[in-house]
C-alpha atoms as a PDB file:
ATOM      1  CA  MET A   1     -13.716  -7.526  -0.884  1.00  0.00           C
ATOM      2  CA  PHE A   2     -13.250  -7.332  -4.633  1.00  0.00           C
ATOM      3  CA  SER A   3     -16.615  -5.775  -5.521  1.00  0.00           C
ATOM      4  CA  TYR A   4     -15.351  -2.207  -5.982  1.00  0.00           C
ATOM      5  CA  ARG A   5     -14.133  -1.259  -9.439  1.00  0.00           C
ATOM      6  CA  HIS A   6     -13.080   2.309 -10.127  1.00  0.00           C
ATOM      7  CA  ALA A   7     -14.066   1.857 -13.764  1.00  0.00           C
ATOM      8  CA  PHE A   8     -17.696   2.426 -12.710  1.00  0.00           C
ATOM      9  CA  HIS A   9     -16.781   5.798 -11.214  1.00  0.00           C
ATOM     10  CA  ALA A  10     -14.058   7.084 -13.561  1.00  0.00           C
ATOM     11  CA  GLY A  11     -14.372  10.779 -14.323  1.00  0.00           C
ATOM     12  CA  ASN A  12     -17.009  11.500 -11.673  1.00  0.00           C
ATOM     13  CA  HIS A  13     -17.027  14.645  -9.521  1.00  0.00           C
ATOM     14  CA  ALA A  14     -14.802  12.971  -6.933  1.00  0.00           C
ATOM     15  CA  ASP A  15     -12.184  12.327  -9.620  1.00  0.00           C
ATOM     16  CA  VAL A  16     -12.327  15.986 -10.651  1.00  0.00           C
ATOM     17  CA  LEU A  17     -11.514  16.983  -7.067  1.00  0.00           C
ATOM     18  CA  LYS A  18      -8.902  14.282  -6.553  1.00  0.00           C
ATOM     19  CA  HIS A  19      -7.033  14.734  -9.813  1.00  0.00           C
ATOM     20  CA  THR A  20      -7.080  18.550  -9.765  1.00  0.00           C
ATOM     21  CA  THR A  21      -5.542  18.355  -6.277  1.00  0.00           C
ATOM     22  CA  LEU A  22      -3.056  15.678  -7.304  1.00  0.00           C
ATOM     23  CA  LEU A  23      -1.831  17.677 -10.284  1.00  0.00           C
ATOM     24  CA  ALA A  24      -1.414  20.856  -8.248  1.00  0.00           C
ATOM     25  CA  ILE A  25       0.680  19.006  -5.658  1.00  0.00           C
ATOM     26  CA  LEU A  26       2.897  17.322  -8.248  1.00  0.00           C
ATOM     27  CA  ARG A  27       3.469  20.497 -10.250  1.00  0.00           C
ATOM     28  CA  HIS A  28       4.837  22.122  -7.117  1.00  0.00           C
ATOM     29  CA  MET A  29       6.995  19.129  -6.197  1.00  0.00           C
ATOM     30  CA  ALA A  30       8.538  19.131  -9.672  1.00  0.00           C
ATOM     31  CA  LEU A  31       9.807  22.690  -9.209  1.00  0.00           C
ATOM     32  CA  LYS A  32      12.721  21.412  -7.112  1.00  0.00           C
ATOM     33  CA  ASP A  33      15.523  19.491  -8.798  1.00  0.00           C
ATOM     34  CA  THR A  34      15.687  16.806  -6.090  1.00  0.00           C
ATOM     35  CA  ALA A  35      14.105  13.508  -7.110  1.00  0.00           C
ATOM     36  CA  PHE A  36      10.850  12.402  -5.540  1.00  0.00           C
ATOM     37  CA  THR A  37       8.841   9.185  -5.249  1.00  0.00           C
ATOM     38  CA  VAL A  38       5.062   8.876  -5.521  1.00  0.00           C
ATOM     39  CA  PHE A  39       3.180   6.031  -3.843  1.00  0.00           C
ATOM     40  CA  ASP A  40      -0.377   5.240  -4.973  1.00  0.00           C
ATOM     41  CA  THR A  41      -1.831   2.834  -2.407  1.00  0.00           C
ATOM     42  CA  HIS A  42      -4.987   1.938  -4.379  1.00  0.00           C
ATOM     43  CA  ALA A  43      -4.028   2.421  -8.006  1.00  0.00           C
ATOM     44  CA  GLY A  44      -6.888   0.765  -9.903  1.00  0.00           C
ATOM     45  CA  ALA A  45      -6.507  -0.151 -13.576  1.00  0.00           C
ATOM     46  CA  GLY A  46      -4.794   3.099 -14.569  1.00  0.00           C
ATOM     47  CA  LEU A  47      -6.799   3.925 -17.707  1.00  0.00           C
ATOM     48  CA  TYR A  48     -10.552   3.885 -18.304  1.00  0.00           C
ATOM     49  CA  ARG A  49     -12.919   4.101 -21.250  1.00  0.00           C
ATOM     50  CA  LEU A  50     -15.766   6.505 -20.623  1.00  0.00           C
ATOM     51  CA  ASP A  51     -17.681   4.852 -23.456  1.00  0.00           C
ATOM     52  CA  GLY A  52     -17.040   1.372 -22.048  1.00  0.00           C
ATOM     53  CA  ASP A  53     -19.486  -0.908 -20.264  1.00  0.00           C
ATOM     54  CA  TYR A  54     -18.485   0.050 -16.718  1.00  0.00           C
ATOM     55  CA  ALA A  55     -18.553   3.851 -17.063  1.00  0.00           C
ATOM     56  CA  SER A  56     -21.633   3.755 -19.297  1.00  0.00           C
ATOM     57  CA  THR A  57     -23.502   1.703 -16.706  1.00  0.00           C
ATOM     58  CA  SER A  58     -23.057   4.301 -13.976  1.00  0.00           C
ATOM     59  CA  GLY A  59     -23.000   7.426 -16.143  1.00  0.00           C
ATOM     60  CA  GLU A  60     -21.081   9.215 -13.381  1.00  0.00           C
ATOM     61  CA  ALA A  61     -18.647  10.906 -15.758  1.00  0.00           C
ATOM     62  CA  GLY A  62     -21.639  12.687 -17.275  1.00  0.00           C
ATOM     63  CA  GLN A  63     -22.067  14.512 -13.969  1.00  0.00           C
ATOM     64  CA  GLY A  64     -18.322  15.040 -13.618  1.00  0.00           C
ATOM     65  CA  TYR A  65     -15.588  15.474 -16.214  1.00  0.00           C
ATOM     66  CA  LEU A  66     -17.893  15.291 -19.244  1.00  0.00           C
ATOM     67  CA  ARG A  67     -20.213  17.907 -17.779  1.00  0.00           C
ATOM     68  CA  LEU A  68     -17.237  20.194 -17.235  1.00  0.00           C
ATOM     69  CA  ILE A  69     -16.388  19.832 -20.904  1.00  0.00           C
ATOM     70  CA  GLU A  70     -19.962  20.650 -21.931  1.00  0.00           C
ATOM     71  CA  LYS A  71     -20.085  23.777 -19.759  1.00  0.00           C
ATOM     72  CA  LEU A  72     -16.637  25.173 -20.575  1.00  0.00           C
ATOM     73  CA  ALA A  73     -18.133  28.092 -22.481  1.00  0.00           C
ATOM     74  CA  GLU A  74     -19.707  29.338 -19.236  1.00  0.00           C
ATOM     75  CA  ILE A  75     -16.416  29.744 -17.349  1.00  0.00           C
ATOM     76  CA  THR A  76     -12.799  30.731 -17.787  1.00  0.00           C
ATOM     77  CA  PRO A  77     -11.063  27.845 -15.996  1.00  0.00           C
ATOM     78  CA  SER A  78      -8.615  28.696 -13.235  1.00  0.00           C
ATOM     79  CA  PRO A  79      -4.992  27.657 -13.938  1.00  0.00           C
ATOM     80  CA  ALA A  80      -5.256  24.492 -11.816  1.00  0.00           C
ATOM     81  CA  LEU A  81      -8.571  23.469 -13.367  1.00  0.00           C
ATOM     82  CA  GLN A  82      -7.251  24.168 -16.864  1.00  0.00           C
ATOM     83  CA  ASP A  83      -4.212  22.018 -16.056  1.00  0.00           C
ATOM     84  CA  TYR A  84      -6.550  19.153 -15.119  1.00  0.00           C
ATOM     85  CA  LEU A  85      -8.625  19.562 -18.283  1.00  0.00           C
ATOM     86  CA  ASP A  86      -5.495  19.695 -20.441  1.00  0.00           C
ATOM     87  CA  MET A  87      -4.104  16.578 -18.775  1.00  0.00           C
ATOM     88  CA  VAL A  88      -7.215  14.505 -19.490  1.00  0.00           C
ATOM     89  CA  ALA A  89      -7.406  15.902 -23.029  1.00  0.00           C
ATOM     90  CA  SER A  90      -3.824  14.779 -23.669  1.00  0.00           C
ATOM     91  CA  PHE A  91      -4.974  11.147 -23.480  1.00  0.00           C
ATOM     92  CA  ASN A  92      -7.535  11.717 -26.237  1.00  0.00           C
ATOM     93  CA  THR A  93      -7.556  12.815 -29.843  1.00  0.00           C
ATOM     94  CA  PRO A  94      -8.820  16.401 -30.373  1.00  0.00           C
ATOM     95  CA  GLY A  95     -12.560  16.621 -29.817  1.00  0.00           C
ATOM     96  CA  SER A  96     -12.783  13.134 -28.288  1.00  0.00           C
ATOM     97  CA  HIS A  97     -13.384  12.401 -24.612  1.00  0.00           C
ATOM     98  CA  LYS A  98     -13.410   8.610 -24.492  1.00  0.00           C
ATOM     99  CA  VAL A  99     -10.326   7.911 -22.391  1.00  0.00           C
ATOM    100  CA  TYR A 100      -9.981   8.940 -18.768  1.00  0.00           C
ATOM    101  CA  PRO A 101      -6.606   8.599 -17.013  1.00  0.00           C
ATOM    102  CA  GLY A 102      -6.536   7.300 -13.472  1.00  0.00           C
ATOM    103  CA  SER A 103      -4.051   8.575 -10.914  1.00  0.00           C
ATOM    104  CA  PRO A 104      -1.202   6.270 -12.062  1.00  0.00           C
ATOM    105  CA  PHE A 105      -1.134   7.724 -15.574  1.00  0.00           C
ATOM    106  CA  ILE A 106      -1.564  11.319 -14.420  1.00  0.00           C
ATOM    107  CA  ILE A 107       1.356  10.867 -12.027  1.00  0.00           C
ATOM    108  CA  GLN A 108       3.530   9.136 -14.620  1.00  0.00           C
ATOM    109  CA  ARG A 109       3.100  12.039 -17.053  1.00  0.00           C
ATOM    110  CA  LEU A 110       4.663  14.392 -14.507  1.00  0.00           C
ATOM    111  CA  LEU A 111       7.613  12.210 -13.524  1.00  0.00           C
ATOM    112  CA  ARG A 112      11.076  13.324 -14.490  1.00  0.00           C
ATOM    113  CA  GLU A 113      13.790  10.830 -15.363  1.00  0.00           C
ATOM    114  CA  ARG A 114      15.038  10.583 -11.774  1.00  0.00           C
ATOM    115  CA  ASP A 115      11.606  10.265 -10.120  1.00  0.00           C
ATOM    116  CA  LYS A 116       9.901   6.997  -9.145  1.00  0.00           C
ATOM    117  CA  LEU A 117       6.322   5.721  -8.963  1.00  0.00           C
ATOM    118  CA  LYS A 118       5.141   2.725  -6.958  1.00  0.00           C
ATOM    119  CA  LEU A 119       1.615   1.474  -7.617  1.00  0.00           C
ATOM    120  CA  PHE A 120      -0.226  -0.866  -5.266  1.00  0.00           C
ATOM    121  CA  GLU A 121      -3.322  -2.722  -6.473  1.00  0.00           C
ATOM    122  CA  ILE A 122      -4.643  -5.882  -4.829  1.00  0.00           C
ATOM    123  CA  HIS A 123      -7.710  -6.479  -7.041  1.00  0.00           C
ATOM    124  CA  PRO A 124      -6.621  -9.371  -9.301  1.00  0.00           C
ATOM    125  CA  THR A 125      -8.259  -8.119 -12.511  1.00  0.00           C
ATOM    126  CA  ASP A 126      -7.348  -4.466 -12.042  1.00  0.00           C
ATOM    127  CA  SER A 127      -3.788  -5.357 -11.047  1.00  0.00           C
ATOM    128  CA  LYS A 128      -3.346  -7.358 -14.242  1.00  0.00           C
ATOM    129  CA  THR A 129      -4.860  -4.572 -16.359  1.00  0.00           C
ATOM    130  CA  LEU A 130      -2.698  -1.984 -14.627  1.00  0.00           C
ATOM    131  CA  SER A 131       0.451  -3.998 -15.315  1.00  0.00           C
ATOM    132  CA  SER A 132      -0.479  -4.314 -18.993  1.00  0.00           C
ATOM    133  CA  ASN A 133      -1.264  -0.616 -19.296  1.00  0.00           C
ATOM    134  CA  ILE A 134       1.985   0.437 -17.631  1.00  0.00           C
ATOM    135  CA  ALA A 135       3.994  -2.017 -19.759  1.00  0.00           C
ATOM    136  CA  GLN A 136       2.890  -0.123 -22.880  1.00  0.00           C
ATOM    137  CA  LEU A 137       4.626   2.997 -21.585  1.00  0.00           C
ATOM    138  CA  ASP A 138       8.033   1.304 -21.782  1.00  0.00           C
ATOM    139  CA  VAL A 139       9.291   3.163 -18.696  1.00  0.00           C
ATOM    140  CA  GLY A 140      11.365   0.309 -17.314  1.00  0.00           C
ATOM    141  CA  ARG A 141      11.948   0.303 -13.579  1.00  0.00           C
ATOM    142  CA  GLN A 142      10.784   3.874 -13.040  1.00  0.00           C
ATOM    143  CA  VAL A 143       7.251   2.611 -12.413  1.00  0.00           C
ATOM    144  CA  ALA A 144       6.638  -0.486 -10.297  1.00  0.00           C
ATOM    145  CA  VAL A 145       3.304  -2.306 -10.030  1.00  0.00           C
ATOM    146  CA  LEU A 146       2.888  -4.308  -6.831  1.00  0.00           C
ATOM    147  CA  ARG A 147      -0.053  -6.668  -6.407  1.00  0.00           C
ATOM    148  CA  GLU A 148      -0.389  -6.270  -2.672  1.00  0.00           C
ATOM    149  CA  ASP A 149      -2.239  -4.392   0.042  1.00  0.00           C
ATOM    150  CA  GLY A 150      -1.114  -0.787  -0.222  1.00  0.00           C
ATOM    151  CA  PHE A 151      -1.866  -0.072   3.437  1.00  0.00           C
ATOM    152  CA  GLU A 152       0.819  -2.556   4.467  1.00  0.00           C
ATOM    153  CA  GLY A 153       3.027  -2.601   1.384  1.00  0.00           C
ATOM    154  CA  ILE A 154       4.050   1.033   1.651  1.00  0.00           C
ATOM    155  CA  LYS A 155       5.784   0.525   4.993  1.00  0.00           C
ATOM    156  CA  LYS A 156       8.894  -1.084   3.550  1.00  0.00           C
ATOM    157  CA  PHE A 157       9.530   1.896   1.249  1.00  0.00           C
ATOM    158  CA  LEU A 158       9.432   4.674   3.856  1.00  0.00           C
ATOM    159  CA  PRO A 159      11.453   6.791   4.091  1.00  0.00           C
ATOM    160  CA  PRO A 160      12.430   6.879   0.400  1.00  0.00           C
ATOM    161  CA  PRO A 161      16.099   7.431  -0.528  1.00  0.00           C
ATOM    162  CA  SER A 162      15.530  10.984  -1.802  1.00  0.00           C
ATOM    163  CA  ARG A 163      13.571  12.001   1.326  1.00  0.00           C
ATOM    164  CA  ARG A 164      10.918  13.554  -0.917  1.00  0.00           C
ATOM    165  CA  ALA A 165       7.639  11.777  -1.583  1.00  0.00           C
ATOM    166  CA  LEU A 166       3.897  12.012  -2.060  1.00  0.00           C
ATOM    167  CA  VAL A 167       1.625   9.276  -0.728  1.00  0.00           C
ATOM    168  CA  LEU A 168      -1.802   9.177  -2.416  1.00  0.00           C
ATOM    169  CA  CYS A 169      -4.373   7.056  -0.604  1.00  0.00           C
ATOM    170  CA  ASP A 170      -7.878   6.618  -2.003  1.00  0.00           C
ATOM    171  CA  PRO A 171      -9.395   3.253  -1.068  1.00  0.00           C
ATOM    172  CA  SER A 172     -12.981   2.369  -1.935  1.00  0.00           C
ATOM    173  CA  TYR A 173     -14.208   2.564   1.682  1.00  0.00           C
ATOM    174  CA  GLU A 174     -16.645  -0.206   0.821  1.00  0.00           C
ATOM    175  CA  ILE A 175     -15.038  -2.165   3.629  1.00  0.00           C
ATOM    176  CA  LYS A 176     -15.916  -0.385   6.872  1.00  0.00           C
ATOM    177  CA  ASN A 177     -12.451  -0.741   8.392  1.00  0.00           C
ATOM    178  CA  ASP A 178     -10.865   1.135   5.462  1.00  0.00           C
ATOM    179  CA  TYR A 179     -11.499   4.313   7.455  1.00  0.00           C
ATOM    180  CA  SER A 180      -9.476   3.150  10.445  1.00  0.00           C
ATOM    181  CA  ARG A 181      -6.814   1.604   8.199  1.00  0.00           C
ATOM    182  CA  VAL A 182      -6.268   4.960   6.489  1.00  0.00           C
ATOM    183  CA  VAL A 183      -5.650   6.643   9.838  1.00  0.00           C
ATOM    184  CA  ASP A 184      -3.362   3.832  11.008  1.00  0.00           C
ATOM    185  CA  MET A 185      -1.381   3.909   7.756  1.00  0.00           C
ATOM    186  CA  VAL A 186      -0.887   7.688   7.849  1.00  0.00           C
ATOM    187  CA  ALA A 187       0.070   7.607  11.537  1.00  0.00           C
ATOM    188  CA  ASP A 188       2.657   4.881  10.919  1.00  0.00           C
ATOM    189  CA  ALA A 189       3.975   6.567   7.775  1.00  0.00           C
ATOM    190  CA  MET A 190       4.454   9.892   9.532  1.00  0.00           C
ATOM    191  CA  VAL A 191       6.590   8.221  12.182  1.00  0.00           C
ATOM    192  CA  ARG A 192       8.743   6.673   9.471  1.00  0.00           C
ATOM    193  CA  PHE A 193       8.765   9.732   7.211  1.00  0.00           C
ATOM    194  CA  ALA A 194       7.532  12.927   8.869  1.00  0.00           C
ATOM    195  CA  THR A 195       8.295  15.275   5.967  1.00  0.00           C
ATOM    196  CA  GLY A 196       6.340  13.393   3.296  1.00  0.00           C
ATOM    197  CA  THR A 197       3.194  14.807   1.717  1.00  0.00           C
ATOM    198  CA  TYR A 198       0.120  12.664   2.407  1.00  0.00           C
ATOM    199  CA  ALA A 199      -3.025  13.111   0.292  1.00  0.00           C
ATOM    200  CA  VAL A 200      -6.114  11.154   1.345  1.00  0.00           C
ATOM    201  CA  TRP A 201      -9.349  11.093  -0.635  1.00  0.00           C
ATOM    202  CA  TYR A 202     -12.512  10.245   1.309  1.00  0.00           C
ATOM    203  CA  PRO A 203     -16.269  10.144   0.648  1.00  0.00           C
ATOM    204  CA  ILE A 204     -18.614  12.464   2.517  1.00  0.00           C
ATOM    205  CA  ILE A 205     -21.633  10.283   3.219  1.00  0.00           C
ATOM    206  CA  PRO A 206     -24.089   9.831   6.122  1.00  0.00           C
ATOM    207  CA  ARG A 207     -21.792   7.495   8.022  1.00  0.00           C
ATOM    208  CA  PRO A 208     -19.986   8.301  11.308  1.00  0.00           C
ATOM    209  CA  GLU A 209     -16.650   6.929  10.074  1.00  0.00           C
ATOM    210  CA  ALA A 210     -16.716   9.214   7.039  1.00  0.00           C
ATOM    211  CA  HIS A 211     -17.177  12.340   9.170  1.00  0.00           C
ATOM    212  CA  GLN A 212     -14.608  11.233  11.737  1.00  0.00           C
ATOM    213  CA  LEU A 213     -11.851  10.520   9.206  1.00  0.00           C
ATOM    214  CA  PRO A 214     -10.834  14.134   8.391  1.00  0.00           C
ATOM    215  CA  ARG A 215     -11.028  15.019  12.094  1.00  0.00           C
ATOM    216  CA  LYS A 216      -8.690  12.166  12.976  1.00  0.00           C
ATOM    217  CA  LEU A 217      -6.260  13.141  10.215  1.00  0.00           C
ATOM    218  CA  LYS A 218      -6.329  16.745  11.430  1.00  0.00           C
ATOM    219  CA  THR A 219      -5.506  15.519  14.948  1.00  0.00           C
ATOM    220  CA  LEU A 220      -2.577  13.485  13.590  1.00  0.00           C
ATOM    221  CA  ALA A 221      -1.187  16.487  11.729  1.00  0.00           C
ATOM    222  CA  THR A 222      -1.690  18.862  14.655  1.00  0.00           C
ATOM    223  CA  LYS A 223       0.000  16.541  17.160  1.00  0.00           C
ATOM    224  CA  ALA A 224       2.941  16.141  14.781  1.00  0.00           C
ATOM    225  CA  GLY A 225       3.162  19.897  14.290  1.00  0.00           C
ATOM    226  CA  LYS A 226       2.532  19.580  10.539  1.00  0.00           C
ATOM    227  CA  PRO A 227       0.448  21.831   8.282  1.00  0.00           C
ATOM    228  CA  TRP A 228      -2.721  20.401   6.781  1.00  0.00           C
ATOM    229  CA  LEU A 229      -5.360  21.241   4.181  1.00  0.00           C
ATOM    230  CA  ASN A 230      -8.869  19.875   3.786  1.00  0.00           C
ATOM    231  CA  ALA A 231     -10.723  20.513   0.520  1.00  0.00           C
ATOM    232  CA  THR A 232     -14.331  19.373   0.071  1.00  0.00           C
ATOM    233  CA  LEU A 233     -16.679  19.409  -2.912  1.00  0.00           C
ATOM    234  CA  THR A 234     -20.446  18.913  -2.606  1.00  0.00           C
ATOM    235  CA  VAL A 235     -22.640  18.577  -5.703  1.00  0.00           C
ATOM    236  CA  LYS A 236     -25.987  17.586  -4.183  1.00  0.00           C
ATOM    237  CA  SER A 237     -27.935  16.724  -1.041  1.00  0.00           C
ATOM    238  CA  SER A 238     -27.203  13.468   0.779  1.00  0.00           C
ATOM    239  CA  LYS A 239     -30.838  12.994   1.823  1.00  0.00           C
ATOM    240  CA  LEU A 240     -32.572   9.761   0.881  1.00  0.00           C
ATOM    241  CA  LEU A 241     -35.538  10.207  -1.440  1.00  0.00           C
ATOM    242  CA  THR A 242     -38.543   8.025  -2.223  1.00  0.00           C
ATOM    243  CA  ASN A 243     -40.208   7.417  -5.566  1.00  0.00           C
ATOM    244  CA  GLU A 244     -43.932   7.194  -6.298  1.00  0.00           C
ATOM    245  CA  ALA A 245     -43.939   3.524  -5.315  1.00  0.00           C
ATOM    246  CA  GLY A 246     -42.482   4.388  -1.923  1.00  0.00           C
ATOM    247  CA  ASP A 247     -39.106   2.830  -2.668  1.00  0.00           C
ATOM    248  CA  VAL A 248     -36.026   4.497  -1.210  1.00  0.00           C
ATOM    249  CA  ILE A 249     -33.754   6.112  -3.793  1.00  0.00           C
ATOM    250  CA  ARG A 250     -30.162   6.447  -2.725  1.00  0.00           C
ATOM    251  CA  PRO A 251     -28.573   9.651  -4.006  1.00  0.00           C
ATOM    252  CA  GLY A 252     -25.196   8.142  -4.852  1.00  0.00           C
ATOM    253  CA  LEU A 253     -22.080   9.995  -3.754  1.00  0.00           C
ATOM    254  CA  PRO A 254     -23.067  13.583  -2.880  1.00  0.00           C
ATOM    255  CA  ALA A 255     -19.670  14.910  -1.811  1.00  0.00           C
ATOM    256  CA  SER A 256     -16.049  14.026  -1.139  1.00  0.00           C
ATOM    257  CA  GLY A 257     -12.887  15.492   0.290  1.00  0.00           C
ATOM    258  CA  MET A 258      -9.130  15.577  -0.058  1.00  0.00           C
ATOM    259  CA  PHE A 259      -7.129  15.840   3.164  1.00  0.00           C
ATOM    260  CA  VAL A 260      -3.479  16.759   2.651  1.00  0.00           C
ATOM    261  CA  ILE A 261      -0.741  16.746   5.297  1.00  0.00           C
ATOM    262  CA  ASN A 262       2.343  18.832   4.456  1.00  0.00           C
ATOM    263  CA  PRO A 263       0.604  20.467   1.458  1.00  0.00           C
ATOM    264  CA  PRO A 264       2.455  22.837  -0.890  1.00  0.00           C
ATOM    265  CA  HIS A 265       1.917  26.453   0.187  1.00  0.00           C
ATOM    266  CA  THR A 266       0.410  27.155  -3.236  1.00  0.00           C
ATOM    267  CA  LEU A 267      -2.304  24.509  -2.951  1.00  0.00           C
ATOM    268  CA  LYS A 268      -4.914  26.419  -0.956  1.00  0.00           C
ATOM    269  CA  ASN A 269      -5.333  29.296  -3.392  1.00  0.00           C
ATOM    270  CA  ALA A 270      -5.178  26.967  -6.400  1.00  0.00           C
ATOM    271  CA  LEU A 271      -8.022  24.834  -5.048  1.00  0.00           C
ATOM    272  CA  LYS A 272     -10.126  27.754  -3.864  1.00  0.00           C
ATOM    273  CA  ASP A 273     -10.228  29.179  -7.368  1.00  0.00           C
ATOM    274  CA  SER A 274     -10.790  25.802  -9.024  1.00  0.00           C
ATOM    275  CA  LEU A 275     -13.397  24.320  -6.688  1.00  0.00           C
ATOM    276  CA  LYS A 276     -15.491  27.466  -6.778  1.00  0.00           C
ATOM    277  CA  GLN A 277     -15.888  26.900 -10.524  1.00  0.00           C
ATOM    278  CA  VAL A 278     -16.308  23.129 -10.232  1.00  0.00           C
ATOM    279  CA  ALA A 279     -19.018  23.413  -7.558  1.00  0.00           C
ATOM    280  CA  GLN A 280     -20.889  25.875  -9.771  1.00  0.00           C
ATOM    281  CA  VAL A 281     -20.693  23.791 -12.946  1.00  0.00           C
ATOM    282  CA  LEU A 282     -21.277  20.349 -11.408  1.00  0.00           C
ATOM    283  CA  ALA A 283     -24.132  21.355  -9.096  1.00  0.00           C
ATOM    284  CA  GLN A 284     -26.981  18.826  -9.204  1.00  0.00           C
ATOM    285  CA  ASP A 285     -29.190  20.787  -6.802  1.00  0.00           C
ATOM    286  CA  GLN A 286     -29.038  23.901  -4.630  1.00  0.00           C
ATOM    287  CA  ASN A 287     -26.841  22.131  -2.066  1.00  0.00           C
ATOM    288  CA  ASN A 288     -23.673  22.547  -4.112  1.00  0.00           C
ATOM    289  CA  ALA A 289     -20.732  23.856  -2.074  1.00  0.00           C
ATOM    290  CA  PHE A 290     -16.996  23.754  -1.596  1.00  0.00           C
ATOM    291  CA  GLU A 291     -14.603  24.499   1.223  1.00  0.00           C
ATOM    292  CA  VAL A 292     -10.835  24.736   1.518  1.00  0.00           C
ATOM    293  CA  ALA A 293      -9.713  24.804   5.143  1.00  0.00           C
ATOM    294  CA  SER A 294      -6.166  24.705   6.439  1.00  0.00           C
ATOM    295  CA  GLY A 295      -4.086  24.906   9.584  1.00  0.00           C
ATOM    296  CA  GLY A 296      -0.729  24.251  11.161  1.00  0.00           C
END
């Protein structure tokens, strides 16, 4: 249960997709004066060192955020992509790229005085680290860290007092029933709070549950009469390879998606422009692709 640690994956191509989308949603929400609440159901540790043991072991940032930095001269970043790059850069000294902010710290940077952030993290080590990291911000009760299951813990907070909120859900999916729990959580949350924005990250891997998840979320949105958006980023083939010894080589994560219910009307165009550039720069083979579909 506690094997997954986001520190191994910080700054990878999935984070580029997730955090570019997250920023674009929050920028739009902040345009209205009314307060909003953000719920992060699987918050992780909050901050990561790309030169630390975990990230260095996987090297995934080298095919994600760090590769974007290396290839910046080849593109003129779209506004949403530039916003993402600027946000990560703001956690580092000029010219350095050692610190990568997780969703909690990206969200906190965009909060206004009246907004709230509730972070759920059940992993004992990550929860403790997250609490310590947040404590250094000295933001008082604006940000709450809850060491509990985000799938269940969010229920008691919906609907929020301001009737404006974003729910970000990005579990590890290492436990098979995470897929069904995501659908159950979103279905329950939409009954409690139909006008909330729900953003779900998911892996695109050769597994039936992974392919069914966006379809089930689309069905939920359609039945509720709510608009939806599904953005996907593919950087390489998902086919299994074999080495000279005949051993199977797993490709790692080839693609991922962000499914958003009640997305801002500006999100589709922002992601189309950004993901076109990201897919080009982060391509690991000729199977690179992106798609931004919407409905409702």
